[in-house]
Amino acid sequence: MLIRSMVQTLSHKQARRIALAAQGFADRRPAQPNRRHLIALIERLAVLQIDSVNVVSRSHYLPLFSRLGAYPRGALEDLAWGRKPTLFEYWGHEASLMPLDLQPLLRWRMEDARQGVGVWKGVARFLAEHRPFIDKVLAAIHERGPLSAGELDLGERGQGGWWGWSEAKRATECLFWAGELTTATRRGTFERVYGLPEEVLPKAVWSAPTPSRAKAHRVLLRRAARALGVATERDLRDYFRMGLADARQGVAELVEAGDLTPVTVEGWAQPAYLAPGARTPRKIAANALLSPFDNLIWFRERAERLFDVRIRLEIYTPAHKRTHGYYVLPFLQGEAITARVDLKADRKAGLLRVLSAHSEPRANAETPAALAAELRLMAAWLGLAGVTVAASGDLSSALAAQTADD
């Protein structure tokens, strides 16, 4: 049993700096971000959440921009869906891109999907009830190579339910979650193309031994701890969306092995754990626009603990009930979230439109200029000619003055 007086106590400011450093915000952006920078950062984060909403940019591109600046977007596409990918798609946090070495560590989740454990009941039921059709799908991909659901030309068209998916789409998605298919590539419309794991993944990956469930959870929890820096058990569990019992056992085993250090954090109601080698910078000087699905803030409870700001996703909220807008990116200025902007990439007009701009309590006199500079950088990275600011939100006037020359 740990003696409470022996447990290190971190201040709220120290915990926030540790978290920001672990997420890559303590490092200076490279002058010319390249493939090597992307690989190192993705290794650190372990997960890039995929989201198809393209109002600004699909979300998996944005965490890398937030940390590296204007990197070549094609480099990520090559890492994920090129001829020799170093990433694969599966359910990590949500639908995610992850380094290939994590694939064997998530086979327990694929087995859960095949067996219908927990949230996967519908997947297992569809696979069992449509086995002859499933076999046709697998045979077609085996014979013809990677195919989209539409290219299979099998089964009934979508008629409501399961987002209106066709029978072929439901089959390929169920096989994907069960690990019997994987993503071979994505088409220009972001359409997933499915292939057999043994034909898409490197042999060293698909033929690697499957670790025990307990070992896989320990490794994933270590990766989560490294990406978070300091975290509660619930924070660690959320990173790869683990079950309570599995995560609790894994955390206890990592503490016993000395791979996690118990700490207390000022203002946190729950015990926390410090990752080995976690850095505590004296200062964080980042300026970054954060995707709503950024690793730093995707767990809203943790984001509120770190930044004293409530972040809510309003995409599914009726327009007249939204507080900040549809696709809202918080602005990280130094060590604080100081503003939020509702953005839209107007590709036809060649403009990054700020539909609303709101300040947060820790905004300061430098916020409009710092935010404007980041918006200009994002616009150029997206291939847009400039930034325009609508007269909505308490920060809009000051921000518009900073972008008046765009």
Protein backbone atom coordinates (compact mmCIF):
# COMPACT_ATOMS: atom_id res chain seq x y z
CA MET A 1 0.00 0.00 0.00
CA LEU A 2 1.33 3.45 -0.91
CA ILE A 3 1.87 5.91 1.89
CA ARG A 4 0.14 9.14 0.83
CA SER A 5 2.94 11.39 2.12
CA MET A 6 5.37 9.63 -0.23
CA VAL A 7 3.32 10.42 -3.35
CA GLN A 8 4.56 13.41 -5.32
CA THR A 9 2.17 16.32 -5.68
CA LEU A 10 2.09 18.33 -8.90
CA SER A 11 0.65 21.79 -9.19
CA HIS A 12 -2.08 22.40 -11.74
CA LYS A 13 0.38 24.41 -13.83
CA GLN A 14 2.98 21.63 -13.75
CA ALA A 15 0.41 19.04 -14.84
CA ARG A 16 -0.73 21.23 -17.73
CA ARG A 17 2.85 21.78 -18.92
CA ILE A 18 3.61 18.07 -18.67
CA ALA A 19 0.50 17.28 -20.71
CA LEU A 20 1.33 19.88 -23.37
CA ALA A 21 4.92 18.69 -23.64
CA ALA A 22 3.83 15.05 -23.98
CA GLN A 23 1.53 16.10 -26.83
CA GLY A 24 4.30 17.87 -28.71
CA PHE A 25 3.46 21.49 -27.93
CA ALA A 26 6.72 22.25 -26.11
CA ASP A 27 8.79 21.72 -29.26
CA ARG A 28 9.56 24.46 -31.75
CA ARG A 29 7.96 23.88 -35.12
CA PRO A 30 10.44 22.80 -37.80
CA ALA A 31 11.16 25.33 -40.56
CA GLN A 32 10.22 22.76 -43.21
CA PRO A 33 8.18 19.87 -41.80
CA ASN A 34 8.78 16.64 -43.67
CA ARG A 35 7.99 12.94 -43.60
CA ARG A 36 10.48 12.31 -40.78
CA HIS A 37 8.78 14.89 -38.56
CA LEU A 38 5.38 13.34 -39.25
CA ILE A 39 6.55 9.83 -38.40
CA ALA A 40 8.11 10.98 -35.11
CA LEU A 41 5.01 12.94 -34.10
CA ILE A 42 2.58 10.15 -34.97
CA GLU A 43 4.74 7.74 -32.99
CA ARG A 44 4.46 10.10 -30.03
CA LEU A 45 0.69 10.58 -30.31
CA ALA A 46 0.04 6.92 -31.27
CA VAL A 47 -3.43 7.76 -32.62
CA LEU A 48 -4.91 10.19 -35.16
CA GLN A 49 -8.69 10.20 -34.98
CA ILE A 50 -10.33 10.04 -38.41
CA ASP A 51 -13.38 12.14 -39.11
CA SER A 52 -14.96 12.65 -42.52
CA VAL A 53 -16.30 16.19 -41.90
CA ASN A 54 -14.46 18.39 -44.38
CA VAL A 55 -15.75 21.87 -43.49
CA VAL A 56 -12.16 22.97 -42.79
CA SER A 57 -10.10 19.84 -43.31
CA ARG A 58 -10.69 16.24 -42.36
CA SER A 59 -9.68 16.00 -38.75
CA HIS A 60 -6.77 13.54 -39.05
CA TYR A 61 -4.76 16.18 -40.92
CA LEU A 62 -5.21 18.86 -38.25
CA PRO A 63 -3.31 17.59 -35.15
CA LEU A 64 -0.12 17.43 -37.23
CA PHE A 65 -0.67 20.98 -38.49
CA SER A 66 -1.30 22.18 -34.92
CA ARG A 67 2.09 20.90 -33.82
CA LEU A 68 4.27 21.09 -36.95
CA GLY A 69 2.76 23.94 -38.93
CA ALA A 70 2.36 23.80 -42.71
CA TYR A 71 3.50 20.26 -43.46
CA PRO A 72 2.86 18.62 -46.87
CA ARG A 73 -0.57 16.96 -46.60
CA GLY A 74 0.40 14.40 -49.21
CA ALA A 75 3.05 13.06 -46.83
CA LEU A 76 0.37 11.89 -44.39
CA GLU A 77 -1.63 10.35 -47.22
CA ASP A 78 1.47 8.45 -48.33
CA LEU A 79 2.13 7.20 -44.80
CA ALA A 80 -1.46 6.03 -44.48
CA TRP A 81 -2.44 4.86 -47.95
CA GLY A 82 0.69 4.88 -50.08
CA ARG A 83 2.57 1.96 -51.62
CA LYS A 84 4.50 1.25 -48.40
CA PRO A 85 2.31 2.56 -45.58
CA THR A 86 3.59 2.91 -42.04
CA LEU A 87 0.09 3.46 -40.62
CA PHE A 88 -3.09 1.39 -40.55
CA GLU A 89 -6.74 2.12 -39.88
CA TYR A 90 -8.73 0.64 -37.05
CA TRP A 91 -10.72 1.57 -33.97
CA GLY A 92 -8.14 3.15 -31.67
CA HIS A 93 -9.74 6.07 -29.88
CA GLU A 94 -12.50 6.17 -32.46
CA ALA A 95 -11.85 5.31 -36.10
CA SER A 96 -8.15 6.08 -36.24
CA LEU A 97 -4.84 6.01 -38.04
CA MET A 98 -2.11 4.35 -35.97
CA PRO A 99 1.47 3.09 -36.36
CA LEU A 100 1.59 -0.44 -37.76
CA ASP A 101 3.17 -1.92 -34.64
CA LEU A 102 -0.12 -1.35 -32.79
CA GLN A 103 -2.05 -3.73 -35.06
CA PRO A 104 -1.26 -6.92 -33.09
CA LEU A 105 -2.07 -5.03 -29.87
CA LEU A 106 -5.63 -4.42 -31.04
CA ARG A 107 -6.48 -7.94 -32.10
CA TRP A 108 -8.32 -8.46 -28.80
CA ARG A 109 -10.77 -5.79 -30.01
CA MET A 110 -11.13 -7.57 -33.36
CA GLU A 111 -11.91 -10.78 -31.45
CA ASP A 112 -14.47 -8.89 -29.35
CA ALA A 113 -16.11 -7.76 -32.60
CA ARG A 114 -16.21 -11.31 -33.94
CA GLN A 115 -17.70 -12.57 -30.66
CA GLY A 116 -20.13 -9.68 -30.22
CA VAL A 117 -18.72 -8.48 -26.91
CA GLY A 118 -20.18 -5.22 -25.59
CA VAL A 119 -20.77 -2.61 -28.31
CA TRP A 120 -19.94 -5.14 -31.04
CA LYS A 121 -23.12 -7.22 -30.75
CA GLY A 122 -24.52 -5.90 -34.03
CA VAL A 123 -21.30 -6.71 -35.89
CA ALA A 124 -21.21 -10.32 -34.70
CA ARG A 125 -24.91 -10.78 -35.38
CA PHE A 126 -24.61 -9.51 -38.95
CA LEU A 127 -21.60 -11.74 -39.63
CA ALA A 128 -23.42 -14.78 -38.27
CA GLU A 129 -26.77 -14.14 -39.94
CA HIS A 130 -25.31 -13.31 -43.37
CA ARG A 131 -22.51 -15.87 -43.57
CA PRO A 132 -23.09 -16.97 -47.20
CA PHE A 133 -23.07 -13.33 -48.31
CA ILE A 134 -19.99 -12.60 -46.18
CA ASP A 135 -18.19 -15.49 -47.87
CA LYS A 136 -19.06 -14.03 -51.30
CA VAL A 137 -17.59 -10.68 -50.28
CA LEU A 138 -14.35 -12.24 -49.04
CA ALA A 139 -14.09 -14.42 -52.16
CA ALA A 140 -14.54 -11.41 -54.45
CA ILE A 141 -11.80 -9.43 -52.70
CA HIS A 142 -9.54 -12.48 -52.68
CA GLU A 143 -10.03 -12.96 -56.42
CA ARG A 144 -10.11 -9.34 -57.60
CA GLY A 145 -7.94 -7.58 -55.04
CA PRO A 146 -8.88 -4.50 -52.95
CA LEU A 147 -12.37 -3.16 -53.66
CA SER A 148 -14.74 -0.52 -52.35
CA ALA A 149 -18.18 -1.65 -51.20
CA GLY A 150 -19.69 -0.20 -54.39
CA GLU A 151 -17.25 -2.09 -56.62
CA LEU A 152 -18.34 -5.41 -55.13
CA ASP A 153 -21.69 -5.05 -56.91
CA LEU A 154 -23.24 -7.52 -54.49
CA GLY A 155 -26.35 -7.50 -52.31
CA GLU A 156 -29.14 -5.00 -51.81
CA ARG A 157 -28.79 -1.24 -51.98
CA GLY A 158 -29.14 0.84 -48.83
CA GLN A 159 -32.72 1.40 -47.68
CA GLY A 160 -32.40 3.05 -44.28
CA GLY A 161 -30.89 1.76 -41.05
CA TRP A 162 -27.13 1.57 -40.54
CA TRP A 163 -26.88 5.08 -42.06
CA GLY A 164 -28.53 3.87 -45.25
CA TRP A 165 -25.65 1.50 -46.00
CA SER A 166 -25.97 -1.13 -48.68
CA GLU A 167 -25.66 -4.78 -47.77
CA ALA A 168 -22.15 -4.82 -49.22
CA LYS A 169 -21.14 -1.78 -47.16
CA ARG A 170 -22.47 -3.34 -43.97
CA ALA A 171 -20.60 -6.56 -44.75
CA THR A 172 -17.28 -4.86 -45.50
CA GLU A 173 -17.52 -2.67 -42.40
CA CYS A 174 -18.32 -5.62 -40.15
CA LEU A 175 -15.41 -7.56 -41.65
CA PHE A 176 -13.20 -4.50 -41.14
CA TRP A 177 -14.04 -4.23 -37.43
CA ALA A 178 -13.60 -7.98 -37.04
CA GLY A 179 -10.10 -7.73 -38.54
CA GLU A 180 -10.91 -9.90 -41.59
CA LEU A 181 -10.50 -6.91 -43.91
CA THR A 182 -8.39 -3.78 -43.61
CA THR A 183 -8.15 -0.47 -45.44
CA ALA A 184 -6.05 -0.77 -48.57
CA THR A 185 -6.44 2.88 -49.56
CA ARG A 186 -8.84 5.82 -49.64
CA ARG A 187 -10.22 7.35 -52.80
CA GLY A 188 -10.58 11.09 -53.52
CA THR A 189 -14.07 11.14 -52.02
CA PHE A 190 -12.61 9.48 -48.89
CA GLU A 191 -14.20 6.21 -49.93
CA ARG A 192 -12.62 3.27 -48.14
CA VAL A 193 -11.17 0.48 -50.27
CA TYR A 194 -11.00 -2.88 -48.48
CA GLY A 195 -8.30 -5.50 -48.78
CA LEU A 196 -7.20 -8.69 -47.05
CA PRO A 197 -4.79 -7.99 -44.17
CA GLU A 198 -2.25 -10.50 -45.49
CA GLU A 199 -2.18 -8.68 -48.83
CA VAL A 200 -2.19 -5.09 -47.51
CA LEU A 201 -0.17 -5.15 -44.29
CA PRO A 202 3.56 -5.96 -44.21
CA LYS A 203 4.23 -9.61 -43.49
CA ALA A 204 6.07 -8.68 -40.29
CA VAL A 205 2.83 -7.15 -39.01
CA TRP A 206 0.10 -9.60 -40.05
CA SER A 207 2.22 -12.65 -39.19
CA ALA A 208 3.33 -11.27 -35.80
CA PRO A 209 2.19 -13.30 -32.78
CA THR A 210 -0.95 -12.09 -31.07
CA PRO A 211 -0.14 -10.97 -27.52
CA SER A 212 -2.38 -11.88 -24.63
CA ARG A 213 -5.18 -9.47 -23.87
CA ALA A 214 -3.50 -8.43 -20.61
CA LYS A 215 -0.14 -7.77 -22.27
CA ALA A 216 -1.76 -5.81 -25.09
CA HIS A 217 -3.57 -3.61 -22.59
CA ARG A 218 -0.38 -2.93 -20.64
CA VAL A 219 1.47 -1.86 -23.80
CA LEU A 220 -1.42 0.33 -24.97
CA LEU A 221 -1.67 1.94 -21.55
CA ARG A 222 2.06 2.69 -21.64
CA ARG A 223 1.60 4.32 -25.05
CA ALA A 224 -1.33 6.33 -23.71
CA ALA A 225 0.68 7.43 -20.69
CA ARG A 226 3.57 8.57 -22.88
CA ALA A 227 1.16 10.57 -25.06
CA LEU A 228 -0.61 12.14 -22.07
CA GLY A 229 2.33 12.76 -19.72
CA VAL A 230 0.23 12.78 -16.58
CA ALA A 231 -3.20 11.22 -16.45
CA THR A 232 -5.89 9.70 -14.30
CA GLU A 233 -6.91 6.08 -14.79
CA ARG A 234 -9.95 7.30 -16.73
CA ASP A 235 -7.75 9.46 -18.98
CA LEU A 236 -5.54 6.47 -19.74
CA ARG A 237 -8.53 4.22 -20.37
CA ASP A 238 -10.14 6.73 -22.74
CA TYR A 239 -7.10 7.10 -25.01
CA PHE A 240 -7.66 3.67 -26.57
CA ARG A 241 -11.25 3.31 -25.33
CA MET A 242 -10.59 0.38 -23.02
CA GLY A 243 -13.00 -1.29 -20.64
CA LEU A 244 -12.85 -0.40 -16.97
CA ALA A 245 -11.71 -3.81 -15.66
CA ASP A 246 -9.00 -4.29 -18.31
CA ALA A 247 -7.62 -0.79 -17.80
CA ARG A 248 -7.70 -0.96 -14.01
CA GLN A 249 -5.79 -4.23 -14.01
CA GLY A 250 -3.28 -2.89 -16.54
CA VAL A 251 -2.65 0.32 -14.61
CA ALA A 252 -2.12 -1.62 -11.39
CA GLU A 253 0.39 -3.92 -13.10
CA LEU A 254 2.27 -0.97 -14.63
CA VAL A 255 2.49 0.76 -11.25
CA GLU A 256 3.80 -2.43 -9.65
CA ALA A 257 6.39 -2.77 -12.41
CA GLY A 258 7.50 0.85 -11.98
CA ASP A 259 6.24 1.86 -15.44
CA LEU A 260 3.78 4.39 -14.01
CA THR A 261 4.37 6.63 -11.00
CA PRO A 262 1.36 7.54 -8.82
CA VAL A 263 1.06 11.29 -8.21
CA THR A 264 -1.56 13.73 -7.02
CA VAL A 265 -2.43 16.83 -9.00
CA GLU A 266 -3.68 20.02 -7.41
CA GLY A 267 -7.40 20.37 -8.12
CA TRP A 268 -7.86 16.86 -9.54
CA ALA A 269 -10.34 14.73 -7.62
CA GLN A 270 -8.85 11.42 -8.81
CA PRO A 271 -5.33 9.98 -8.36
CA ALA A 272 -3.04 10.45 -11.33
CA TYR A 273 -0.08 8.66 -12.89
CA LEU A 274 3.11 10.11 -14.32
CA ALA A 275 4.72 8.56 -17.39
CA PRO A 276 8.43 7.65 -17.22
CA GLY A 277 10.57 10.45 -18.62
CA ALA A 278 7.70 12.94 -18.76
CA ARG A 279 9.06 16.48 -19.27
CA THR A 280 8.05 19.52 -17.22
CA PRO A 281 9.04 22.58 -19.28
CA ARG A 282 9.40 25.93 -17.57
CA LYS A 283 7.19 27.49 -20.22
CA ILE A 284 5.04 26.52 -23.21
CA ALA A 285 5.04 29.03 -26.05
CA ALA A 286 2.83 27.28 -28.60
CA ASN A 287 0.18 28.93 -30.76
CA ALA A 288 -2.14 26.34 -32.27
CA LEU A 289 -5.65 25.88 -33.63
CA LEU A 290 -7.01 22.60 -32.28
CA SER A 291 -9.32 20.26 -34.15
CA PRO A 292 -12.43 19.36 -32.14
CA PHE A 293 -11.02 15.81 -32.30
CA ASP A 294 -7.45 16.71 -31.30
CA ASN A 295 -5.80 14.27 -28.88
CA LEU A 296 -5.19 17.12 -26.42
CA ILE A 297 -8.88 17.90 -25.96
CA TRP A 298 -10.91 14.95 -27.29
CA PHE A 299 -11.66 13.77 -23.72
CA ARG A 300 -13.70 16.78 -22.63
CA GLU A 301 -13.47 16.03 -18.91
CA ARG A 302 -9.67 16.06 -19.06
CA ALA A 303 -9.62 19.20 -21.21
CA GLU A 304 -11.70 21.02 -18.61
CA ARG A 305 -9.38 19.86 -15.83
CA LEU A 306 -6.32 21.06 -17.73
CA PHE A 307 -7.58 24.36 -19.12
CA ASP A 308 -10.60 25.34 -17.00
CA VAL A 309 -12.60 25.60 -20.23
CA ARG A 310 -15.68 23.58 -21.19
CA ILE A 311 -15.38 22.29 -24.75
CA ARG A 312 -18.44 20.85 -26.42
CA LEU A 313 -18.88 19.54 -29.94
CA GLU A 314 -21.87 21.35 -31.46
CA ILE A 315 -21.94 19.70 -34.90
CA TYR A 316 -25.03 17.71 -33.91
CA THR A 317 -26.69 20.61 -32.05
CA PRO A 318 -29.46 22.47 -33.92
CA ALA A 319 -28.07 25.72 -35.34
CA HIS A 320 -30.23 27.99 -33.17
CA LYS A 321 -28.97 26.26 -30.00
CA ARG A 322 -25.24 26.50 -30.76
CA THR A 323 -23.10 28.71 -28.55
CA HIS A 324 -19.91 28.95 -30.60
CA GLY A 325 -20.76 27.47 -34.00
CA TYR A 326 -20.68 24.31 -36.13
CA TYR A 327 -17.00 23.41 -36.58
CA VAL A 328 -15.25 25.19 -33.75
CA LEU A 329 -11.51 25.11 -33.18
CA PRO A 330 -10.20 26.21 -29.78
CA PHE A 331 -7.06 28.35 -29.93
CA LEU A 332 -4.14 27.33 -27.71
CA GLN A 333 -2.05 30.38 -26.89
CA GLY A 334 0.97 29.53 -24.79
CA GLU A 335 -0.42 27.38 -21.98
CA ALA A 336 -4.04 28.50 -22.17
CA ILE A 337 -7.04 28.19 -24.43
CA THR A 338 -7.80 31.84 -25.11
CA ALA A 339 -10.32 31.79 -27.97
CA ARG A 340 -12.59 29.69 -30.18
CA VAL A 341 -13.27 30.19 -33.87
CA ASP A 342 -15.97 28.64 -36.04
CA LEU A 343 -14.21 28.02 -39.36
CA LYS A 344 -15.18 27.12 -42.89
CA ALA A 345 -12.85 26.62 -45.84
CA ASP A 346 -14.64 28.31 -48.74
CA ARG A 347 -12.71 26.60 -51.51
CA LYS A 348 -14.70 28.19 -54.31
CA ALA A 349 -13.94 31.73 -53.07
CA GLY A 350 -10.43 30.80 -51.94
CA LEU A 351 -11.03 32.03 -48.39
CA LEU A 352 -10.81 30.69 -44.86
CA ARG A 353 -13.98 32.09 -43.33
CA VAL A 354 -14.16 32.82 -39.61
CA LEU A 355 -17.91 32.56 -39.04
CA SER A 356 -17.59 33.57 -35.39
CA ALA A 357 -14.78 34.35 -32.95
CA HIS A 358 -15.16 34.20 -29.18
CA SER A 359 -12.64 34.98 -26.47
CA GLU A 360 -12.04 32.93 -23.34
CA PRO A 361 -11.31 34.31 -19.85
CA ARG A 362 -7.52 33.93 -20.32
CA ALA A 363 -7.43 35.91 -23.57
CA ASN A 364 -5.07 38.88 -23.51
CA ALA A 365 -4.06 41.84 -25.66
CA GLU A 366 -1.89 39.58 -27.83
CA THR A 367 -4.64 37.08 -28.61
CA PRO A 368 -6.10 38.69 -31.78
CA ALA A 369 -2.69 39.06 -33.47
CA ALA A 370 -1.53 35.57 -32.45
CA LEU A 371 -4.79 34.01 -33.63
CA ALA A 372 -4.72 35.96 -36.90
CA ALA A 373 -1.20 34.71 -37.65
CA GLU A 374 -2.28 31.11 -37.10
CA LEU A 375 -5.35 31.58 -39.30
CA ARG A 376 -3.18 32.97 -42.11
CA LEU A 377 -0.86 29.99 -41.79
CA MET A 378 -3.80 27.58 -41.93
CA ALA A 379 -5.31 29.33 -44.94
CA ALA A 380 -2.04 29.07 -46.88
CA TRP A 381 -1.64 25.42 -45.88
CA LEU A 382 -5.14 24.72 -47.19
CA GLY A 383 -4.35 26.48 -50.46
CA LEU A 384 -6.63 29.44 -49.70
CA ALA A 385 -5.76 33.04 -50.55
CA GLY A 386 -6.77 34.73 -47.31
CA VAL A 387 -8.90 35.01 -44.18
CA THR A 388 -12.19 36.82 -43.73
CA VAL A 389 -13.94 37.40 -40.39
CA ALA A 390 -17.70 37.69 -39.95
CA ALA A 391 -19.11 40.08 -37.36
CA SER A 392 -20.12 37.41 -34.88
CA GLY A 393 -18.65 36.90 -31.41
CA ASP A 394 -16.94 39.23 -28.97
CA LEU A 395 -13.49 38.71 -30.56
CA SER A 396 -14.59 39.23 -34.16
CA SER A 397 -13.92 42.98 -34.37
CA ALA A 398 -10.37 42.78 -33.03
CA LEU A 399 -9.63 39.71 -35.15
CA ALA A 400 -11.04 41.36 -38.27
CA ALA A 401 -8.72 44.33 -37.73
CA GLN A 402 -5.74 41.94 -37.63
CA THR A 403 -6.77 40.23 -40.87
CA ALA A 404 -7.87 43.38 -42.72
CA ASP A 405 -5.13 43.08 -45.35
CA ASP A 406 -6.07 39.52 -46.33
